[in-house]
């Protein structure tokens, strides 16, 4: 398992479009991909789970990836988030 703290670089946080982009990318990997914001744990492969975390822009999340492609998933998802989920 690999974990990393990442800043959400979108002004509006993880609303529908960025949440969808995050989930779309997370679904490309076999690994279990989750994040924690405050006391909320979210499955990064579920748009509803990501939206229910209510992550505002400028917040820090802790992303975790566990599985056979965890290193690649962490690298690529971290880059995507750092680029503002564009």
N, C-alpha and C. Protein backbone atom coordinates (compact mmCIF):
# COMPACT_ATOMS: atom_id res chain seq x y z
N UNK A 1 0.85 -1.18 0.00
CA UNK A 1 0.00 0.00 0.00
C UNK A 1 0.89 1.24 0.00
N UNK A 2 0.52 2.20 -0.84
CA UNK A 2 1.22 3.48 -0.87
C UNK A 2 0.21 4.57 -0.54
N UNK A 3 0.66 5.59 0.20
CA UNK A 3 -0.20 6.72 0.54
C UNK A 3 0.55 8.02 0.28
N UNK A 4 -0.23 9.06 0.07
CA UNK A 4 0.37 10.37 -0.18
C UNK A 4 -0.66 11.45 0.11
N UNK A 5 -0.20 12.53 0.74
CA UNK A 5 -1.07 13.68 0.97
C UNK A 5 -0.97 14.60 -0.24
N UNK A 6 -2.14 15.02 -0.73
CA UNK A 6 -2.21 15.82 -1.96
C UNK A 6 -3.19 16.97 -1.76
N UNK A 7 -2.82 18.14 -2.27
CA UNK A 7 -3.68 19.31 -2.22
C UNK A 7 -4.63 19.31 -3.42
N UNK A 8 -5.89 19.56 -3.17
CA UNK A 8 -6.89 19.64 -4.25
C UNK A 8 -6.76 21.01 -4.90
N UNK A 9 -6.27 21.03 -6.12
CA UNK A 9 -5.97 22.28 -6.83
C UNK A 9 -7.10 22.73 -7.75
N UNK A 10 -8.33 22.67 -7.27
CA UNK A 10 -9.45 23.24 -8.02
C UNK A 10 -10.14 24.23 -7.10
N UNK A 11 -10.58 25.34 -7.66
CA UNK A 11 -11.21 26.39 -6.86
C UNK A 11 -12.50 25.90 -6.19
N UNK A 12 -13.22 25.02 -6.85
CA UNK A 12 -14.52 24.58 -6.34
C UNK A 12 -14.45 23.21 -5.66
N UNK A 13 -13.27 22.62 -5.55
CA UNK A 13 -13.14 21.33 -4.89
C UNK A 13 -13.56 20.17 -5.78
N UNK A 14 -13.95 19.08 -5.15
CA UNK A 14 -14.34 17.89 -5.90
C UNK A 14 -15.84 17.89 -6.18
N UNK A 15 -16.27 18.82 -7.02
CA UNK A 15 -17.66 18.81 -7.46
C UNK A 15 -17.80 17.79 -8.59
N UNK A 16 -18.90 17.77 -9.29
CA UNK A 16 -19.21 16.68 -10.22
C UNK A 16 -18.17 16.45 -11.31
N UNK A 17 -17.75 17.49 -12.01
CA UNK A 17 -16.80 17.28 -13.12
C UNK A 17 -15.44 16.77 -12.63
N UNK A 18 -14.79 17.41 -11.63
CA UNK A 18 -13.52 16.87 -11.16
C UNK A 18 -13.67 15.48 -10.52
N UNK A 19 -14.77 15.26 -9.82
CA UNK A 19 -15.01 13.94 -9.22
C UNK A 19 -15.12 12.87 -10.30
N UNK A 20 -15.82 13.20 -11.36
CA UNK A 20 -15.97 12.27 -12.48
C UNK A 20 -14.64 11.97 -13.14
N UNK A 21 -13.82 13.00 -13.30
CA UNK A 21 -12.50 12.81 -13.92
C UNK A 21 -11.62 11.93 -13.04
N UNK A 22 -11.66 12.17 -11.72
CA UNK A 22 -10.88 11.35 -10.78
C UNK A 22 -11.33 9.89 -10.85
N UNK A 23 -12.63 9.66 -10.83
CA UNK A 23 -13.16 8.29 -10.87
C UNK A 23 -12.82 7.60 -12.19
N UNK A 24 -12.95 8.34 -13.28
CA UNK A 24 -12.65 7.78 -14.60
C UNK A 24 -11.20 7.28 -14.64
N UNK A 25 -10.28 8.09 -14.11
CA UNK A 25 -8.87 7.72 -14.12
C UNK A 25 -8.62 6.55 -13.15
N UNK A 26 -9.23 6.60 -11.97
CA UNK A 26 -9.04 5.54 -10.97
C UNK A 26 -9.51 4.19 -11.48
N UNK A 27 -10.54 4.18 -12.31
CA UNK A 27 -11.09 2.93 -12.84
C UNK A 27 -10.12 2.23 -13.80
N UNK A 28 -9.09 2.92 -14.24
CA UNK A 28 -8.11 2.33 -15.15
C UNK A 28 -7.16 1.35 -14.45
N UNK A 29 -7.20 1.31 -13.12
CA UNK A 29 -6.25 0.50 -12.36
C UNK A 29 -6.94 -0.64 -11.62
N UNK A 30 -6.19 -1.71 -11.41
CA UNK A 30 -6.69 -2.85 -10.66
C UNK A 30 -6.69 -2.58 -9.16
N UNK A 31 -5.81 -1.71 -8.71
CA UNK A 31 -5.65 -1.43 -7.28
C UNK A 31 -6.90 -0.85 -6.66
N UNK A 32 -7.02 -1.05 -5.36
CA UNK A 32 -8.06 -0.39 -4.56
C UNK A 32 -7.56 1.02 -4.32
N UNK A 33 -8.35 2.02 -4.67
CA UNK A 33 -7.93 3.41 -4.57
C UNK A 33 -8.96 4.16 -3.73
N UNK A 34 -8.47 4.75 -2.65
CA UNK A 34 -9.34 5.47 -1.73
C UNK A 34 -8.65 6.76 -1.30
N UNK A 35 -9.43 7.65 -0.70
CA UNK A 35 -8.82 8.81 -0.08
C UNK A 35 -9.57 9.15 1.20
N UNK A 36 -8.88 9.88 2.06
CA UNK A 36 -9.46 10.33 3.32
C UNK A 36 -9.41 11.85 3.36
N UNK A 37 -10.52 12.44 3.72
CA UNK A 37 -10.60 13.88 3.94
C UNK A 37 -11.27 14.07 5.30
N UNK A 38 -10.54 14.67 6.23
CA UNK A 38 -10.99 14.77 7.62
C UNK A 38 -11.27 13.36 8.12
N UNK A 39 -12.48 13.06 8.52
CA UNK A 39 -12.82 11.72 9.02
C UNK A 39 -13.59 10.90 7.99
N UNK A 40 -13.65 11.38 6.75
CA UNK A 40 -14.43 10.71 5.72
C UNK A 40 -13.51 9.90 4.81
N UNK A 41 -13.85 8.63 4.61
CA UNK A 41 -13.12 7.76 3.70
C UNK A 41 -13.97 7.60 2.44
N UNK A 42 -13.34 7.76 1.27
CA UNK A 42 -14.08 7.68 0.02
C UNK A 42 -13.40 6.73 -0.95
N UNK A 43 -14.21 6.00 -1.68
CA UNK A 43 -13.74 5.12 -2.75
C UNK A 43 -13.56 5.99 -3.99
N UNK A 44 -12.32 6.12 -4.47
CA UNK A 44 -12.05 7.00 -5.60
C UNK A 44 -12.61 6.47 -6.91
N UNK A 45 -13.14 5.26 -6.92
CA UNK A 45 -13.74 4.70 -8.13
C UNK A 45 -15.25 4.89 -8.16
N UNK A 46 -15.80 5.59 -7.17
CA UNK A 46 -17.24 5.82 -7.07
C UNK A 46 -17.51 7.33 -7.02
N UNK A 47 -18.20 7.85 -8.03
CA UNK A 47 -18.51 9.28 -8.06
C UNK A 47 -19.32 9.68 -6.84
N UNK A 48 -20.30 8.87 -6.46
CA UNK A 48 -21.12 9.20 -5.30
C UNK A 48 -20.30 9.24 -4.02
N UNK A 49 -19.36 8.32 -3.88
CA UNK A 49 -18.50 8.30 -2.71
C UNK A 49 -17.62 9.55 -2.67
N UNK A 50 -17.05 9.92 -3.81
CA UNK A 50 -16.19 11.11 -3.89
C UNK A 50 -17.00 12.36 -3.58
N UNK A 51 -18.18 12.49 -4.18
CA UNK A 51 -19.02 13.66 -3.93
C UNK A 51 -19.45 13.75 -2.47
N UNK A 52 -19.74 12.61 -1.85
CA UNK A 52 -20.21 12.63 -0.47
C UNK A 52 -19.11 13.03 0.52
N UNK A 53 -17.85 13.03 0.09
CA UNK A 53 -16.76 13.47 0.96
C UNK A 53 -16.76 14.99 1.13
N UNK A 54 -17.43 15.71 0.21
CA UNK A 54 -17.56 17.18 0.29
C UNK A 54 -16.22 17.88 0.46
N UNK A 55 -15.30 17.63 -0.46
CA UNK A 55 -13.95 18.19 -0.37
C UNK A 55 -13.92 19.55 -1.07
N UNK A 56 -13.69 20.63 -0.31
CA UNK A 56 -13.61 21.95 -0.94
C UNK A 56 -12.24 22.18 -1.57
N UNK A 57 -12.18 23.16 -2.47
CA UNK A 57 -10.91 23.51 -3.11
C UNK A 57 -9.88 23.96 -2.09
N UNK A 58 -8.63 23.65 -2.34
CA UNK A 58 -7.54 24.02 -1.44
C UNK A 58 -7.36 23.08 -0.26
N UNK A 59 -8.17 22.03 -0.18
CA UNK A 59 -8.08 21.08 0.92
C UNK A 59 -7.04 20.00 0.62
N UNK A 60 -6.60 19.35 1.68
CA UNK A 60 -5.64 18.26 1.53
C UNK A 60 -6.34 16.94 1.78
N UNK A 61 -6.09 15.98 0.90
CA UNK A 61 -6.61 14.63 1.08
C UNK A 61 -5.42 13.68 1.22
N UNK A 62 -5.67 12.52 1.77
CA UNK A 62 -4.65 11.47 1.80
C UNK A 62 -5.12 10.36 0.88
N UNK A 63 -4.41 10.21 -0.23
CA UNK A 63 -4.74 9.22 -1.24
C UNK A 63 -4.01 7.92 -0.91
N UNK A 64 -4.68 6.80 -1.05
CA UNK A 64 -4.04 5.50 -0.83
C UNK A 64 -4.39 4.56 -1.97
N UNK A 65 -3.39 3.81 -2.41
CA UNK A 65 -3.54 2.83 -3.48
C UNK A 65 -2.96 1.51 -2.98
N UNK A 66 -3.70 0.43 -3.19
CA UNK A 66 -3.22 -0.88 -2.77
C UNK A 66 -3.56 -1.91 -3.83
N UNK A 67 -2.52 -2.57 -4.34
CA UNK A 67 -2.73 -3.59 -5.35
C UNK A 67 -1.54 -3.72 -6.26
N UNK A 68 -1.71 -4.51 -7.31
CA UNK A 68 -0.59 -4.85 -8.19
C UNK A 68 -0.04 -3.66 -8.97
N UNK A 69 -0.86 -2.66 -9.24
CA UNK A 69 -0.38 -1.49 -9.99
C UNK A 69 -0.43 -0.21 -9.13
N UNK A 70 -0.24 -0.37 -7.83
CA UNK A 70 -0.38 0.75 -6.89
C UNK A 70 0.59 1.90 -7.16
N UNK A 71 1.82 1.60 -7.50
CA UNK A 71 2.82 2.65 -7.75
C UNK A 71 2.42 3.50 -8.96
N UNK A 72 2.03 2.85 -10.04
CA UNK A 72 1.63 3.55 -11.25
C UNK A 72 0.36 4.36 -10.99
N UNK A 73 -0.59 3.77 -10.29
CA UNK A 73 -1.83 4.47 -9.97
C UNK A 73 -1.55 5.71 -9.14
N UNK A 74 -0.71 5.59 -8.13
CA UNK A 74 -0.40 6.74 -7.27
C UNK A 74 0.28 7.84 -8.07
N UNK A 75 1.23 7.49 -8.90
CA UNK A 75 1.95 8.48 -9.70
C UNK A 75 1.00 9.23 -10.62
N UNK A 76 0.20 8.51 -11.37
CA UNK A 76 -0.66 9.14 -12.37
C UNK A 76 -1.84 9.89 -11.74
N UNK A 77 -2.42 9.36 -10.68
CA UNK A 77 -3.51 10.06 -10.01
C UNK A 77 -3.01 11.31 -9.30
N UNK A 78 -1.84 11.23 -8.69
CA UNK A 78 -1.26 12.40 -8.03
C UNK A 78 -1.02 13.52 -9.03
N UNK A 79 -0.47 13.17 -10.18
CA UNK A 79 -0.22 14.17 -11.23
C UNK A 79 -1.54 14.79 -11.70
N UNK A 80 -2.55 13.98 -11.89
CA UNK A 80 -3.85 14.47 -12.34
C UNK A 80 -4.44 15.45 -11.33
N UNK A 81 -4.40 15.09 -10.07
CA UNK A 81 -4.95 15.95 -9.02
C UNK A 81 -4.14 17.25 -8.92
N UNK A 82 -2.82 17.15 -8.96
CA UNK A 82 -1.97 18.33 -8.87
C UNK A 82 -2.18 19.28 -10.05
N UNK A 83 -2.60 18.76 -11.18
CA UNK A 83 -2.87 19.59 -12.37
C UNK A 83 -4.30 20.13 -12.36
N UNK A 84 -5.01 19.96 -11.27
CA UNK A 84 -6.36 20.50 -11.16
C UNK A 84 -7.43 19.62 -11.79
N UNK A 85 -7.14 18.34 -11.97
CA UNK A 85 -8.08 17.38 -12.56
C UNK A 85 -8.56 17.81 -13.93
N UNK A 86 -7.64 18.32 -14.71
CA UNK A 86 -7.93 18.76 -16.09
C UNK A 86 -7.84 17.60 -17.04
